[in-house]
Amino acid sequence: MHDIGILASADPVALDQACIDLVWVSEGNASFVNRVQDRNGLHTLENAEAIGLGSRSYQLVDISR
């Protein structure tokens, strides 16, 4: 998989969701997608949000310019 950059956030749930979303649409992601799906990885994010650890909502801000 190619380099998707570095992400940062004070919200760990939003950060994980953003990373998942970026990898999900990247080329060469099949191995990662299979692992997430096989281990019900998205349920972890759903539950983390449900118990108040953070929000799955996020806004990407590109600071490379």
PDB file of N, CA and C in Angstrom:
ATOM      1  N   MET A   1       0.847  -1.167   0.000  1.00  0.00           N
ATOM      2  CA  MET A   1       0.000   0.000   0.000  1.00  0.00           C
ATOM      3  C   MET A   1       0.896   1.233   0.000  1.00  0.00           C
ATOM      4  N   HIS A   2       0.452   2.274  -0.654  1.00  0.00           N
ATOM      5  CA  HIS A   2       1.250   3.494  -0.738  1.00  0.00           C
ATOM      6  C   HIS A   2       1.114   4.336   0.540  1.00  0.00           C
ATOM      7  N   ASP A   3       1.948   5.322   0.651  1.00  0.00           N
ATOM      8  CA  ASP A   3       1.976   6.207   1.818  1.00  0.00           C
ATOM      9  C   ASP A   3       0.743   7.105   1.820  1.00  0.00           C
ATOM     10  N   ILE A   4      -0.041   7.061   2.904  1.00  0.00           N
ATOM     11  CA  ILE A   4      -1.225   7.918   2.993  1.00  0.00           C
ATOM     12  C   ILE A   4      -0.965   9.148   3.862  1.00  0.00           C
ATOM     13  N   GLY A   5       0.233   9.255   4.383  1.00  0.00           N
ATOM     14  CA  GLY A   5       0.586  10.417   5.183  1.00  0.00           C
ATOM     15  C   GLY A   5       0.482  10.166   6.671  1.00  0.00           C
ATOM     16  N   ILE A   6       0.476  11.231   7.420  1.00  0.00           N
ATOM     17  CA  ILE A   6       0.412  11.179   8.880  1.00  0.00           C
ATOM     18  C   ILE A   6      -0.858  11.884   9.322  1.00  0.00           C
ATOM     19  N   LEU A   7      -1.577  11.256  10.205  1.00  0.00           N
ATOM     20  CA  LEU A   7      -2.796  11.854  10.743  1.00  0.00           C
ATOM     21  C   LEU A   7      -2.606  12.095  12.224  1.00  0.00           C
ATOM     22  N   ALA A   8      -3.281  13.105  12.749  1.00  0.00           N
ATOM     23  CA  ALA A   8      -3.210  13.417  14.175  1.00  0.00           C
ATOM     24  C   ALA A   8      -4.556  13.951  14.630  1.00  0.00           C
ATOM     25  N   SER A   9      -4.893  13.678  15.885  1.00  0.00           N
ATOM     26  CA  SER A   9      -6.146  14.166  16.444  1.00  0.00           C
ATOM     27  C   SER A   9      -6.110  14.003  17.951  1.00  0.00           C
ATOM     28  N   ALA A  10      -6.850  14.856  18.631  1.00  0.00           N
ATOM     29  CA  ALA A  10      -7.023  14.702  20.074  1.00  0.00           C
ATOM     30  C   ALA A  10      -8.098  13.660  20.365  1.00  0.00           C
ATOM     31  N   ASP A  11      -8.848  13.265  19.350  1.00  0.00           N
ATOM     32  CA  ASP A  11      -9.922  12.275  19.492  1.00  0.00           C
ATOM     33  C   ASP A  11      -9.449  10.947  18.901  1.00  0.00           C
ATOM     34  N   PRO A  12      -9.157   9.959  19.728  1.00  0.00           N
ATOM     35  CA  PRO A  12      -8.610   8.698  19.222  1.00  0.00           C
ATOM     36  C   PRO A  12      -9.583   7.929  18.332  1.00  0.00           C
ATOM     37  N   VAL A  13     -10.869   8.058  18.568  1.00  0.00           N
ATOM     38  CA  VAL A  13     -11.856   7.347  17.756  1.00  0.00           C
ATOM     39  C   VAL A  13     -11.928   7.981  16.364  1.00  0.00           C
ATOM     40  N   ALA A  14     -11.970   9.290  16.301  1.00  0.00           N
ATOM     41  CA  ALA A  14     -11.981   9.988  15.018  1.00  0.00           C
ATOM     42  C   ALA A  14     -10.706   9.696  14.235  1.00  0.00           C
ATOM     43  N   LEU A  15      -9.586   9.655  14.921  1.00  0.00           N
ATOM     44  CA  LEU A  15      -8.312   9.357  14.273  1.00  0.00           C
ATOM     45  C   LEU A  15      -8.330   7.960  13.658  1.00  0.00           C
ATOM     46  N   ASP A  16      -8.761   6.971  14.413  1.00  0.00           N
ATOM     47  CA  ASP A  16      -8.831   5.608  13.886  1.00  0.00           C
ATOM     48  C   ASP A  16      -9.806   5.513  12.724  1.00  0.00           C
ATOM     49  N   GLN A  17     -10.942   6.195  12.823  1.00  0.00           N
ATOM     50  CA  GLN A  17     -11.922   6.161  11.732  1.00  0.00           C
ATOM     51  C   GLN A  17     -11.347   6.790  10.469  1.00  0.00           C
ATOM     52  N   ALA A  18     -10.670   7.904  10.606  1.00  0.00           N
ATOM     53  CA  ALA A  18     -10.060   8.564   9.451  1.00  0.00           C
ATOM     54  C   ALA A  18      -9.010   7.664   8.803  1.00  0.00           C
ATOM     55  N   CYS A  19      -8.203   7.020   9.624  1.00  0.00           N
ATOM     56  CA  CYS A  19      -7.182   6.107   9.090  1.00  0.00           C
ATOM     57  C   CYS A  19      -7.829   4.951   8.336  1.00  0.00           C
ATOM     58  N   ILE A  20      -8.844   4.359   8.929  1.00  0.00           N
ATOM     59  CA  ILE A  20      -9.561   3.257   8.278  1.00  0.00           C
ATOM     60  C   ILE A  20     -10.125   3.730   6.935  1.00  0.00           C
ATOM     61  N   ASP A  21     -10.767   4.886   6.930  1.00  0.00           N
ATOM     62  CA  ASP A  21     -11.387   5.390   5.709  1.00  0.00           C
ATOM     63  C   ASP A  21     -10.356   5.644   4.616  1.00  0.00           C
ATOM     64  N   LEU A  22      -9.217   6.212   4.970  1.00  0.00           N
ATOM     65  CA  LEU A  22      -8.179   6.486   3.971  1.00  0.00           C
ATOM     66  C   LEU A  22      -7.575   5.200   3.416  1.00  0.00           C
ATOM     67  N   VAL A  23      -7.345   4.244   4.277  1.00  0.00           N
ATOM     68  CA  VAL A  23      -6.783   2.973   3.820  1.00  0.00           C
ATOM     69  C   VAL A  23      -7.805   2.219   2.976  1.00  0.00           C
ATOM     70  N   TRP A  24      -9.065   2.306   3.358  1.00  0.00           N
ATOM     71  CA  TRP A  24     -10.143   1.589   2.659  1.00  0.00           C
ATOM     72  C   TRP A  24     -10.200   1.954   1.178  1.00  0.00           C
ATOM     73  N   VAL A  25      -9.876   3.194   0.836  1.00  0.00           N
ATOM     74  CA  VAL A  25      -9.956   3.638  -0.559  1.00  0.00           C
ATOM     75  C   VAL A  25      -8.592   3.649  -1.255  1.00  0.00           C
ATOM     76  N   SER A  26      -7.567   3.159  -0.589  1.00  0.00           N
ATOM     77  CA  SER A  26      -6.218   3.129  -1.161  1.00  0.00           C
ATOM     78  C   SER A  26      -6.001   1.873  -1.995  1.00  0.00           C
ATOM     79  N   GLU A  27      -5.112   1.986  -2.962  1.00  0.00           N
ATOM     80  CA  GLU A  27      -4.722   0.815  -3.753  1.00  0.00           C
ATOM     81  C   GLU A  27      -3.866  -0.106  -2.892  1.00  0.00           C
ATOM     82  N   GLY A  28      -3.975  -1.394  -3.136  1.00  0.00           N
ATOM     83  CA  GLY A  28      -3.164  -2.366  -2.413  1.00  0.00           C
ATOM     84  C   GLY A  28      -3.621  -2.587  -0.991  1.00  0.00           C
ATOM     85  N   ASN A  29      -4.889  -2.392  -0.725  1.00  0.00           N
ATOM     86  CA  ASN A  29      -5.417  -2.463   0.634  1.00  0.00           C
ATOM     87  C   ASN A  29      -6.038  -3.808   0.994  1.00  0.00           C
ATOM     88  N   ALA A  30      -6.060  -4.760   0.087  1.00  0.00           N
ATOM     89  CA  ALA A  30      -6.814  -6.000   0.273  1.00  0.00           C
ATOM     90  C   ALA A  30      -6.464  -6.728   1.562  1.00  0.00           C
ATOM     91  N   SER A  31      -5.204  -6.842   1.893  1.00  0.00           N
ATOM     92  CA  SER A  31      -4.798  -7.558   3.102  1.00  0.00           C
ATOM     93  C   SER A  31      -5.351  -6.877   4.347  1.00  0.00           C
ATOM     94  N   PHE A  32      -5.245  -5.549   4.402  1.00  0.00           N
ATOM     95  CA  PHE A  32      -5.745  -4.802   5.553  1.00  0.00           C
ATOM     96  C   PHE A  32      -7.261  -4.921   5.666  1.00  0.00           C
ATOM     97  N   VAL A  33      -7.955  -4.728   4.563  1.00  0.00           N
ATOM     98  CA  VAL A  33      -9.420  -4.800   4.562  1.00  0.00           C
ATOM     99  C   VAL A  33      -9.872  -6.181   5.032  1.00  0.00           C
ATOM    100  N   ASN A  34      -9.227  -7.229   4.545  1.00  0.00           N
ATOM    101  CA  ASN A  34      -9.583  -8.586   4.967  1.00  0.00           C
ATOM    102  C   ASN A  34      -9.392  -8.782   6.465  1.00  0.00           C
ATOM    103  N   ARG A  35      -8.299  -8.262   7.009  1.00  0.00           N
ATOM    104  CA  ARG A  35      -8.052  -8.398   8.444  1.00  0.00           C
ATOM    105  C   ARG A  35      -9.092  -7.658   9.258  1.00  0.00           C
ATOM    106  N   VAL A  36      -9.437  -6.454   8.863  1.00  0.00           N
ATOM    107  CA  VAL A  36     -10.434  -5.669   9.588  1.00  0.00           C
ATOM    108  C   VAL A  36     -11.782  -6.382   9.557  1.00  0.00           C
ATOM    109  N   GLN A  37     -12.157  -6.864   8.383  1.00  0.00           N
ATOM    110  CA  GLN A  37     -13.440  -7.537   8.258  1.00  0.00           C
ATOM    111  C   GLN A  37     -13.463  -8.860   9.008  1.00  0.00           C
ATOM    112  N   ASP A  38     -12.391  -9.632   8.933  1.00  0.00           N
ATOM    113  CA  ASP A  38     -12.329 -10.926   9.628  1.00  0.00           C
ATOM    114  C   ASP A  38     -12.387 -10.786  11.138  1.00  0.00           C
ATOM    115  N   ARG A  39     -11.895  -9.672  11.654  1.00  0.00           N
ATOM    116  CA  ARG A  39     -11.835  -9.467  13.107  1.00  0.00           C
ATOM    117  C   ARG A  39     -12.901  -8.494  13.602  1.00  0.00           C
ATOM    118  N   ASN A  40     -13.869  -8.172  12.743  1.00  0.00           N
ATOM    119  CA  ASN A  40     -14.936  -7.227  13.110  1.00  0.00           C
ATOM    120  C   ASN A  40     -14.363  -5.927  13.659  1.00  0.00           C
ATOM    121  N   GLY A  41     -13.336  -5.428  13.006  1.00  0.00           N
ATOM    122  CA  GLY A  41     -12.620  -4.246  13.477  1.00  0.00           C
ATOM    123  C   GLY A  41     -13.466  -2.992  13.583  1.00  0.00           C
ATOM    124  N   LEU A  42     -14.455  -2.854  12.734  1.00  0.00           N
ATOM    125  CA  LEU A  42     -15.287  -1.655  12.795  1.00  0.00           C
ATOM    126  C   LEU A  42     -16.172  -1.653  14.040  1.00  0.00           C
ATOM    127  N   HIS A  43     -16.468  -2.833  14.571  1.00  0.00           N
ATOM    128  CA  HIS A  43     -17.256  -2.897  15.812  1.00  0.00           C
ATOM    129  C   HIS A  43     -16.506  -2.235  16.963  1.00  0.00           C
ATOM    130  N   THR A  44     -15.192  -2.310  16.938  1.00  0.00           N
ATOM    131  CA  THR A  44     -14.390  -1.658  17.965  1.00  0.00           C
ATOM    132  C   THR A  44     -14.625  -0.154  17.952  1.00  0.00           C
ATOM    133  N   LEU A  45     -14.631   0.434  16.761  1.00  0.00           N
ATOM    134  CA  LEU A  45     -14.877   1.871  16.653  1.00  0.00           C
ATOM    135  C   LEU A  45     -16.309   2.219  17.043  1.00  0.00           C
ATOM    136  N   GLU A  46     -17.248   1.402  16.631  1.00  0.00           N
ATOM    137  CA  GLU A  46     -18.649   1.636  16.997  1.00  0.00           C
ATOM    138  C   GLU A  46     -18.826   1.608  18.511  1.00  0.00           C
ATOM    139  N   ASN A  47     -18.227   0.631  19.147  1.00  0.00           N
ATOM    140  CA  ASN A  47     -18.342   0.512  20.606  1.00  0.00           C
ATOM    141  C   ASN A  47     -17.593   1.620  21.332  1.00  0.00           C
ATOM    142  N   ALA A  48     -16.446   1.996  20.825  1.00  0.00           N
ATOM    143  CA  ALA A  48     -15.680   3.081  21.440  1.00  0.00           C
ATOM    144  C   ALA A  48     -16.496   4.366  21.430  1.00  0.00           C
ATOM    145  N   GLU A  49     -17.159   4.634  20.326  1.00  0.00           N
ATOM    146  CA  GLU A  49     -18.011   5.822  20.247  1.00  0.00           C
ATOM    147  C   GLU A  49     -19.205   5.681  21.203  1.00  0.00           C
ATOM    148  N   ALA A  50     -19.796   4.504  21.252  1.00  0.00           N
ATOM    149  CA  ALA A  50     -20.979   4.275  22.086  1.00  0.00           C
ATOM    150  C   ALA A  50     -20.695   4.479  23.573  1.00  0.00           C
ATOM    151  N   ILE A  51     -19.476   4.152  24.004  1.00  0.00           N
ATOM    152  CA  ILE A  51     -19.166   4.314  25.434  1.00  0.00           C
ATOM    153  C   ILE A  51     -18.517   5.663  25.740  1.00  0.00           C
ATOM    154  N   GLY A  52     -18.454   6.535  24.726  1.00  0.00           N
ATOM    155  CA  GLY A  52     -18.003   7.893  24.964  1.00  0.00           C
ATOM    156  C   GLY A  52     -16.517   8.153  24.863  1.00  0.00           C
ATOM    157  N   LEU A  53     -15.777   7.265  24.215  1.00  0.00           N
ATOM    158  CA  LEU A  53     -14.338   7.490  24.069  1.00  0.00           C
ATOM    159  C   LEU A  53     -14.013   8.529  23.010  1.00  0.00           C
ATOM    160  N   GLY A  54     -14.971   8.854  22.174  1.00  0.00           N
ATOM    161  CA  GLY A  54     -14.766   9.829  21.112  1.00  0.00           C
ATOM    162  C   GLY A  54     -15.868   9.715  20.087  1.00  0.00           C
ATOM    163  N   SER A  55     -15.665  10.368  18.960  1.00  0.00           N
ATOM    164  CA  SER A  55     -16.655  10.386  17.894  1.00  0.00           C
ATOM    165  C   SER A  55     -16.038   9.846  16.615  1.00  0.00           C
ATOM    166  N   ARG A  56     -16.821   9.148  15.831  1.00  0.00           N
ATOM    167  CA  ARG A  56     -16.333   8.647  14.546  1.00  0.00           C
ATOM    168  C   ARG A  56     -16.375   9.730  13.474  1.00  0.00           C
ATOM    169  N   SER A  57     -16.933  10.878  13.792  1.00  0.00           N
ATOM    170  CA  SER A  57     -16.982  12.003  12.847  1.00  0.00           C
ATOM    171  C   SER A  57     -15.650  12.748  12.865  1.00  0.00           C
ATOM    172  N   TYR A  58     -15.234  13.219  11.708  1.00  0.00           N
ATOM    173  CA  TYR A  58     -13.979  13.941  11.627  1.00  0.00           C
ATOM    174  C   TYR A  58     -13.972  14.839  10.405  1.00  0.00           C
ATOM    175  N   GLN A  59     -13.027  15.741  10.383  1.00  0.00           N
ATOM    176  CA  GLN A  59     -12.793  16.606   9.230  1.00  0.00           C
ATOM    177  C   GLN A  59     -11.309  16.566   8.939  1.00  0.00           C
ATOM    178  N   LEU A  60     -10.940  16.181   7.727  1.00  0.00           N
ATOM    179  CA  LEU A  60      -9.531  16.156   7.349  1.00  0.00           C
ATOM    180  C   LEU A  60      -9.090  17.555   6.959  1.00  0.00           C
ATOM    181  N   VAL A  61      -7.955  17.971   7.490  1.00  0.00           N
ATOM    182  CA  VAL A  61      -7.376  19.271   7.173  1.00  0.00           C
ATOM    183  C   VAL A  61      -5.976  19.033   6.638  1.00  0.00           C
ATOM    184  N   ASP A  62      -5.718  19.412   5.410  1.00  0.00           N
ATOM    185  CA  ASP A  62      -4.416  19.232   4.784  1.00  0.00           C
ATOM    186  C   ASP A  62      -3.529  20.413   5.141  1.00  0.00           C
ATOM    187  N   ILE A  63      -2.448  20.155   5.866  1.00  0.00           N
ATOM    188  CA  ILE A  63      -1.540  21.228   6.282  1.00  0.00           C
ATOM    189  C   ILE A  63      -0.233  21.206   5.478  1.00  0.00           C
ATOM    190  N   SER A  64      -0.207  20.451   4.394  1.00  0.00           N
ATOM    191  CA  SER A  64       1.028  20.305   3.623  1.00  0.00           C
ATOM    192  C   SER A  64       1.302  21.477   2.695  1.00  0.00           C
ATOM    193  N   ARG A  65       0.368  22.367   2.560  1.00  0.00           N
ATOM    194  CA  ARG A  65       0.539  23.482   1.605  1.00  0.00           C
ATOM    195  C   ARG A  65       1.242  24.639   2.209  1.00  0.00           C
TER     196      ARG A  65
END
